[in-house]
C-alpha atoms as a PDB file:
ATOM      1  CA  MET A   1    -115.757 -61.521  36.593  1.00  0.00           C
ATOM      2  CA  SER A   2    -118.054 -63.924  37.819  1.00  0.00           C
ATOM      3  CA  LEU A   3    -118.195 -65.409  40.911  1.00  0.00           C
ATOM      4  CA  ARG A   4    -120.394 -68.153  41.860  1.00  0.00           C
ATOM      5  CA  ILE A   5    -120.935 -71.263  44.823  1.00  0.00           C
ATOM      6  CA  VAL A   6    -119.353 -74.189  44.089  1.00  0.00           C
ATOM      7  CA  THR A   7    -120.129 -76.070  47.292  1.00  0.00           C
ATOM      8  CA  GLN A   8    -123.577 -75.299  49.808  1.00  0.00           C
ATOM      9  CA  PRO A   9    -122.705 -75.544  52.983  1.00  0.00           C
ATOM     10  CA  ALA A  10    -122.996 -78.845  55.051  1.00  0.00           C
ATOM     11  CA  SER A  11    -125.280 -77.642  57.519  1.00  0.00           C
ATOM     12  CA  GLU A  12    -127.432 -74.938  58.570  1.00  0.00           C
ATOM     13  CA  PRO A  13    -126.788 -71.969  61.618  1.00  0.00           C
ATOM     14  CA  VAL A  14    -130.554 -72.896  63.019  1.00  0.00           C
ATOM     15  CA  THR A  15    -131.150 -76.441  63.783  1.00  0.00           C
ATOM     16  CA  LEU A  16    -134.839 -77.430  63.185  1.00  0.00           C
ATOM     17  CA  GLU A  17    -135.716 -77.519  66.737  1.00  0.00           C
ATOM     18  CA  GLU A  18    -134.646 -74.457  66.907  1.00  0.00           C
ATOM     19  CA  ALA A  19    -136.827 -72.750  64.427  1.00  0.00           C
ATOM     20  CA  LYS A  20    -139.539 -74.804  65.380  1.00  0.00           C
ATOM     21  CA  ALA A  21    -139.478 -73.399  68.805  1.00  0.00           C
ATOM     22  CA  HIS A  22    -139.102 -70.028  67.102  1.00  0.00           C
ATOM     23  CA  LEU A  23    -142.246 -70.429  65.357  1.00  0.00           C
ATOM     24  CA  ASN A  24    -143.931 -72.676  67.919  1.00  0.00           C
ATOM     25  CA  VAL A  25    -144.842 -75.410  66.119  1.00  0.00           C
ATOM     26  CA  THR A  26    -145.103 -78.857  68.068  1.00  0.00           C
ATOM     27  CA  HIS A  27    -145.708 -81.545  65.277  1.00  0.00           C
ATOM     28  CA  ALA A  28    -143.373 -82.807  62.425  1.00  0.00           C
ATOM     29  CA  ASP A  29    -146.131 -82.204  59.439  1.00  0.00           C
ATOM     30  CA  GLU A  30    -144.206 -79.024  58.342  1.00  0.00           C
ATOM     31  CA  ASP A  31    -140.451 -80.139  59.347  1.00  0.00           C
ATOM     32  CA  SER A  32    -139.735 -80.788  55.229  1.00  0.00           C
ATOM     33  CA  LEU A  33    -141.472 -76.726  55.073  1.00  0.00           C
ATOM     34  CA  ILE A  34    -138.931 -75.131  57.594  1.00  0.00           C
ATOM     35  CA  THR A  35    -136.075 -76.827  56.600  1.00  0.00           C
ATOM     36  CA  THR A  36    -136.419 -75.469  53.268  1.00  0.00           C
ATOM     37  CA  LEU A  37    -137.324 -71.937  54.978  1.00  0.00           C
ATOM     38  CA  ILE A  38    -134.098 -71.795  57.356  1.00  0.00           C
ATOM     39  CA  GLU A  39    -132.085 -72.594  54.054  1.00  0.00           C
ATOM     40  CA  ALA A  40    -133.882 -70.127  51.764  1.00  0.00           C
ATOM     41  CA  ALA A  41    -133.695 -67.671  55.476  1.00  0.00           C
ATOM     42  CA  ARG A  42    -129.999 -68.163  55.833  1.00  0.00           C
ATOM     43  CA  GLY A  43    -128.958 -67.098  51.985  1.00  0.00           C
ATOM     44  CA  ARG A  44    -131.031 -64.253  52.658  1.00  0.00           C
ATOM     45  CA  VAL A  45    -129.260 -63.089  55.382  1.00  0.00           C
ATOM     46  CA  GLU A  46    -126.186 -63.797  54.360  1.00  0.00           C
ATOM     47  CA  ALA A  47    -127.269 -61.640  50.837  1.00  0.00           C
ATOM     48  CA  LEU A  48    -127.864 -58.641  53.362  1.00  0.00           C
ATOM     49  CA  LEU A  49    -124.311 -59.150  54.845  1.00  0.00           C
ATOM     50  CA  GLN A  50    -122.358 -59.627  52.350  1.00  0.00           C
ATOM     51  CA  ARG A  51    -120.804 -62.613  53.674  1.00  0.00           C
ATOM     52  CA  ALA A  52    -121.086 -66.107  53.719  1.00  0.00           C
ATOM     53  CA  ILE A  53    -122.247 -67.450  57.180  1.00  0.00           C
ATOM     54  CA  MET A  54    -121.430 -71.322  56.941  1.00  0.00           C
ATOM     55  CA  SER A  55    -118.606 -73.120  55.609  1.00  0.00           C
ATOM     56  CA  GLN A  56    -118.701 -72.890  51.621  1.00  0.00           C
ATOM     57  CA  THR A  57    -116.956 -73.377  48.419  1.00  0.00           C
ATOM     58  CA  TRP A  58    -116.814 -70.457  45.962  1.00  0.00           C
ATOM     59  CA  GLU A  59    -115.452 -69.817  42.767  1.00  0.00           C
ATOM     60  CA  ILE A  60    -114.173 -66.365  40.895  1.00  0.00           C
ATOM     61  CA  ALA A  61    -113.232 -66.678  37.691  1.00  0.00           C
ATOM     62  CA  VAL A  62    -111.694 -63.698  35.442  1.00  0.00           C
ATOM     63  CA  ASP A  63    -110.853 -63.281  31.896  1.00  0.00           C
ATOM     64  CA  CYS A  64    -107.205 -62.838  32.666  1.00  0.00           C
ATOM     65  CA  PHE A  65    -104.842 -62.122  35.379  1.00  0.00           C
ATOM     66  CA  PRO A  66    -105.195 -58.503  37.076  1.00  0.00           C
ATOM     67  CA  SER A  67    -102.626 -57.007  39.543  1.00  0.00           C
ATOM     68  CA  TRP A  68    -104.428 -58.603  42.355  1.00  0.00           C
ATOM     69  CA  PHE A  69    -107.756 -60.476  43.327  1.00  0.00           C
ATOM     70  CA  SER A  70    -110.506 -59.655  46.104  1.00  0.00           C
ATOM     71  CA  LEU A  71    -112.331 -62.681  47.823  1.00  0.00           C
ATOM     72  CA  PRO A  72    -115.387 -61.462  48.778  1.00  0.00           C
ATOM     73  CA  LEU A  73    -118.000 -63.048  51.182  1.00  0.00           C
ATOM     74  CA  GLY A  74    -116.524 -62.565  54.578  1.00  0.00           C
ATOM     75  CA  LYS A  75    -113.750 -64.691  56.623  1.00  0.00           C
ATOM     76  CA  VAL A  76    -111.803 -67.011  53.826  1.00  0.00           C
ATOM     77  CA  THR A  77    -110.714 -70.090  55.411  1.00  0.00           C
ATOM     78  CA  ALA A  78    -108.894 -71.876  52.443  1.00  0.00           C
ATOM     79  CA  LEU A  79    -107.439 -71.139  48.793  1.00  0.00           C
ATOM     80  CA  ASP A  80    -108.347 -74.355  47.502  1.00  0.00           C
ATOM     81  CA  SER A  81    -107.148 -74.055  43.896  1.00  0.00           C
ATOM     82  CA  PHE A  82    -105.865 -71.138  41.672  1.00  0.00           C
ATOM     83  CA  THR A  83    -106.038 -72.422  37.632  1.00  0.00           C
ATOM     84  CA  TYR A  84    -105.570 -70.534  34.385  1.00  0.00           C
ATOM     85  CA  VAL A  85    -106.162 -71.804  30.770  1.00  0.00           C
ATOM     86  CA  ASP A  86    -103.285 -71.541  28.695  1.00  0.00           C
ATOM     87  CA  ALA A  87    -102.438 -70.429  25.242  1.00  0.00           C
ATOM     88  CA  ALA A  88    -102.969 -74.161  24.302  1.00  0.00           C
ATOM     89  CA  GLY A  89    -106.360 -74.940  26.041  1.00  0.00           C
ATOM     90  CA  ALA A  90    -105.131 -76.449  28.668  1.00  0.00           C
ATOM     91  CA  THR A  91    -106.058 -75.981  32.144  1.00  0.00           C
ATOM     92  CA  GLN A  92    -102.806 -75.278  34.280  1.00  0.00           C
ATOM     93  CA  THR A  93    -102.527 -75.203  38.071  1.00  0.00           C
ATOM     94  CA  VAL A  94    -100.457 -71.753  39.543  1.00  0.00           C
ATOM     95  CA  ALA A  95     -97.579 -71.986  41.231  1.00  0.00           C
ATOM     96  CA  SER A  96     -97.932 -71.670  45.014  1.00  0.00           C
ATOM     97  CA  SER A  97     -94.515 -69.498  44.481  1.00  0.00           C
ATOM     98  CA  VAL A  98     -95.690 -66.764  42.111  1.00  0.00           C
ATOM     99  CA  TYR A  99     -98.426 -65.591  44.312  1.00  0.00           C
ATOM    100  CA  GLU A 100     -99.224 -64.517  48.286  1.00  0.00           C
ATOM    101  CA  SER A 101    -102.655 -64.602  50.272  1.00  0.00           C
ATOM    102  CA  ASP A 102    -103.569 -62.510  52.649  1.00  0.00           C
ATOM    103  CA  PHE A 103    -106.823 -63.949  54.606  1.00  0.00           C
ATOM    104  CA  ASP A 104    -106.463 -61.290  57.591  1.00  0.00           C
ATOM    105  CA  ASP A 105    -108.178 -58.418  55.674  1.00  0.00           C
ATOM    106  CA  GLN A 106    -112.011 -58.942  54.340  1.00  0.00           C
ATOM    107  CA  PRO A 107    -112.108 -59.132  51.931  1.00  0.00           C
ATOM    108  CA  ALA A 108    -109.282 -61.623  51.523  1.00  0.00           C
ATOM    109  CA  ARG A 109    -106.987 -60.740  48.973  1.00  0.00           C
ATOM    110  CA  VAL A 110    -104.261 -62.814  46.599  1.00  0.00           C
ATOM    111  CA  ARG A 111    -101.522 -60.646  44.833  1.00  0.00           C
ATOM    112  CA  LEU A 112     -98.922 -61.775  42.821  1.00  0.00           C
ATOM    113  CA  ALA A 113     -95.542 -62.790  44.864  1.00  0.00           C
ATOM    114  CA  ASP A 114     -92.653 -59.940  44.677  1.00  0.00           C
ATOM    115  CA  GLY A 115     -90.575 -60.463  41.544  1.00  0.00           C
ATOM    116  CA  GLN A 116     -92.875 -63.064  40.023  1.00  0.00           C
ATOM    117  CA  ASN A 117     -94.944 -62.667  36.637  1.00  0.00           C
ATOM    118  CA  TRP A 118     -98.355 -64.107  36.290  1.00  0.00           C
ATOM    119  CA  PRO A 119     -98.410 -67.468  33.592  1.00  0.00           C
ATOM    120  CA  ASP A 120     -99.778 -65.947  30.071  1.00  0.00           C
ATOM    121  CA  GLU A 121    -103.281 -66.946  30.289  1.00  0.00           C
ATOM    122  CA  GLY A 122    -105.307 -68.126  26.955  1.00  0.00           C
ATOM    123  CA  ASP A 123    -107.592 -65.297  25.101  1.00  0.00           C
ATOM    124  CA  VAL A 124    -110.824 -66.854  26.523  1.00  0.00           C
ATOM    125  CA  ILE A 125    -113.644 -65.561  28.511  1.00  0.00           C
ATOM    126  CA  ASN A 126    -113.042 -66.965  32.360  1.00  0.00           C
ATOM    127  CA  ALA A 127    -109.371 -68.152  32.087  1.00  0.00           C
ATOM    128  CA  VAL A 128    -108.465 -67.478  35.321  1.00  0.00           C
ATOM    129  CA  ARG A 129    -110.026 -69.322  38.216  1.00  0.00           C
ATOM    130  CA  LEU A 130    -109.898 -69.385  41.819  1.00  0.00           C
ATOM    131  CA  ARG A 131    -112.072 -71.622  44.042  1.00  0.00           C
ATOM    132  CA  TYR A 132    -111.766 -70.794  47.943  1.00  0.00           C
ATOM    133  CA  THR A 133    -113.652 -71.956  51.303  1.00  0.00           C
ATOM    134  CA  VAL A 134    -115.130 -69.121  53.219  1.00  0.00           C
ATOM    135  CA  GLY A 135    -117.548 -68.795  55.884  1.00  0.00           C
ATOM    136  CA  GLU A 136    -117.400 -68.494  60.115  1.00  0.00           C
ATOM    137  CA  GLY A 137    -117.300 -72.910  60.127  1.00  0.00           C
ATOM    138  CA  ASP A 138    -119.811 -74.609  61.832  1.00  0.00           C
ATOM    139  CA  ALA A 139    -123.095 -73.004  63.574  1.00  0.00           C
ATOM    140  CA  ALA A 140    -121.498 -73.083  66.881  1.00  0.00           C
ATOM    141  CA  ASP A 141    -119.492 -70.251  65.446  1.00  0.00           C
ATOM    142  CA  VAL A 142    -122.116 -68.094  64.366  1.00  0.00           C
ATOM    143  CA  PRO A 143    -123.025 -64.800  66.447  1.00  0.00           C
ATOM    144  CA  ALA A 144    -126.115 -65.145  68.149  1.00  0.00           C
ATOM    145  CA  ALA A 145    -127.563 -61.879  66.558  1.00  0.00           C
ATOM    146  CA  ILE A 146    -127.061 -63.800  63.248  1.00  0.00           C
ATOM    147  CA  LYS A 147    -128.507 -67.046  64.169  1.00  0.00           C
ATOM    148  CA  GLN A 148    -131.317 -64.764  65.634  1.00  0.00           C
ATOM    149  CA  GLY A 149    -131.649 -62.598  62.144  1.00  0.00           C
ATOM    150  CA  ILE A 150    -132.230 -65.649  60.661  1.00  0.00           C
ATOM    151  CA  LEU A 151    -134.913 -67.262  63.055  1.00  0.00           C
ATOM    152  CA  LEU A 152    -136.999 -63.794  62.189  1.00  0.00           C
ATOM    153  CA  VAL A 153    -136.995 -64.244  58.669  1.00  0.00           C
ATOM    154  CA  VAL A 154    -137.556 -68.083  58.765  1.00  0.00           C
ATOM    155  CA  GLY A 155    -140.592 -66.726  60.935  1.00  0.00           C
ATOM    156  CA  SER A 156    -141.735 -64.264  58.410  1.00  0.00           C
ATOM    157  CA  LEU A 157    -141.548 -66.592  55.582  1.00  0.00           C
ATOM    158  CA  TYR A 158    -143.738 -69.054  57.637  1.00  0.00           C
ATOM    159  CA  ARG A 159    -146.188 -66.961  58.200  1.00  0.00           C
ATOM    160  CA  ASP A 160    -146.377 -65.095  54.971  1.00  0.00           C
ATOM    161  CA  ARG A 161    -145.631 -67.947  52.568  1.00  0.00           C
ATOM    162  CA  GLU A 162    -148.693 -67.053  50.023  1.00  0.00           C
ATOM    163  CA  SER A 163    -148.724 -65.206  47.204  1.00  0.00           C
ATOM    164  CA  GLN A 164    -151.049 -62.561  48.660  1.00  0.00           C
ATOM    165  CA  VAL A 165    -150.602 -61.096  51.868  1.00  0.00           C
ATOM    166  CA  ALA A 166    -153.092 -58.680  53.126  1.00  0.00           C
ATOM    167  CA  ASN A 167    -154.349 -57.889  49.720  1.00  0.00           C
ATOM    168  CA  ILE A 168    -150.840 -57.347  48.368  1.00  0.00           C
ATOM    169  CA  THR A 169    -150.088 -58.972  45.267  1.00  0.00           C
ATOM    170  CA  LEU A 170    -147.476 -61.377  44.038  1.00  0.00           C
ATOM    171  CA  ASN A 171    -144.655 -58.481  42.523  1.00  0.00           C
ATOM    172  CA  GLU A 172    -145.505 -56.285  45.758  1.00  0.00           C
ATOM    173  CA  ASN A 173    -144.859 -58.921  48.651  1.00  0.00           C
ATOM    174  CA  PRO A 174    -142.221 -57.605  50.369  1.00  0.00           C
ATOM    175  CA  THR A 175    -140.795 -60.678  51.681  1.00  0.00           C
ATOM    176  CA  LEU A 176    -140.886 -62.287  48.259  1.00  0.00           C
ATOM    177  CA  LYS A 177    -139.196 -59.190  47.096  1.00  0.00           C
ATOM    178  CA  ALA A 178    -136.667 -59.653  49.711  1.00  0.00           C
ATOM    179  CA  LEU A 179    -135.729 -63.511  49.046  1.00  0.00           C
ATOM    180  CA  LEU A 180    -135.433 -62.574  45.677  1.00  0.00           C
ATOM    181  CA  PHE A 181    -133.359 -59.426  45.096  1.00  0.00           C
ATOM    182  CA  PRO A 182    -129.689 -61.078  45.808  1.00  0.00           C
ATOM    183  CA  HIS A 183    -130.519 -63.403  42.952  1.00  0.00           C
ATOM    184  CA  ILE A 184    -131.717 -61.161  40.054  1.00  0.00           C
ATOM    185  CA  VAL A 185    -129.071 -61.051  37.127  1.00  0.00           C
ATOM    186  CA  HIS A 186    -127.737 -57.525  36.463  1.00  0.00           C
ATOM    187  CA  GLY A 187    -126.660 -55.830  32.782  1.00  0.00           C
ATOM    188  CA  THR A 188    -128.809 -57.800  30.591  1.00  0.00           C
END
């Protein structure tokens, strides 16, 4: 199974102005840096929460149809596409009558509808793909505690942006480890 982001959020849950106020920065010299820190902080908080905060599109891919799919990362708002590669190597769309979706549960689920059969997929890696939209919506929908958590991470990243902090080497920097941990590729 693979899970990848297709479309990043169109906006962040914390504005540049909110972050600058939190950092007590009154000049525009570091606006670009602070904007980057907001995005990185949102990503870190999402990794800690194991859920998407802002609306974004993800895709899950598997080699063959299972009995049901679990769609991770929080509140699913739409199943954008459900495709498979057939035995001839052509990409096909799974008919909506073949499956049913449950977006009320978290993680959301997609399963074979009663009395239906999955189509025959080809013998290729990641033959079956579900693309879905997940997240709270826009910034107004994000709880204050999550926004504050993002601001705390922004503050840490802003304060500790060098490779060495108080004689801590690059590999031992806890902020760096926390930032990069979600991107580690396991099982290689």
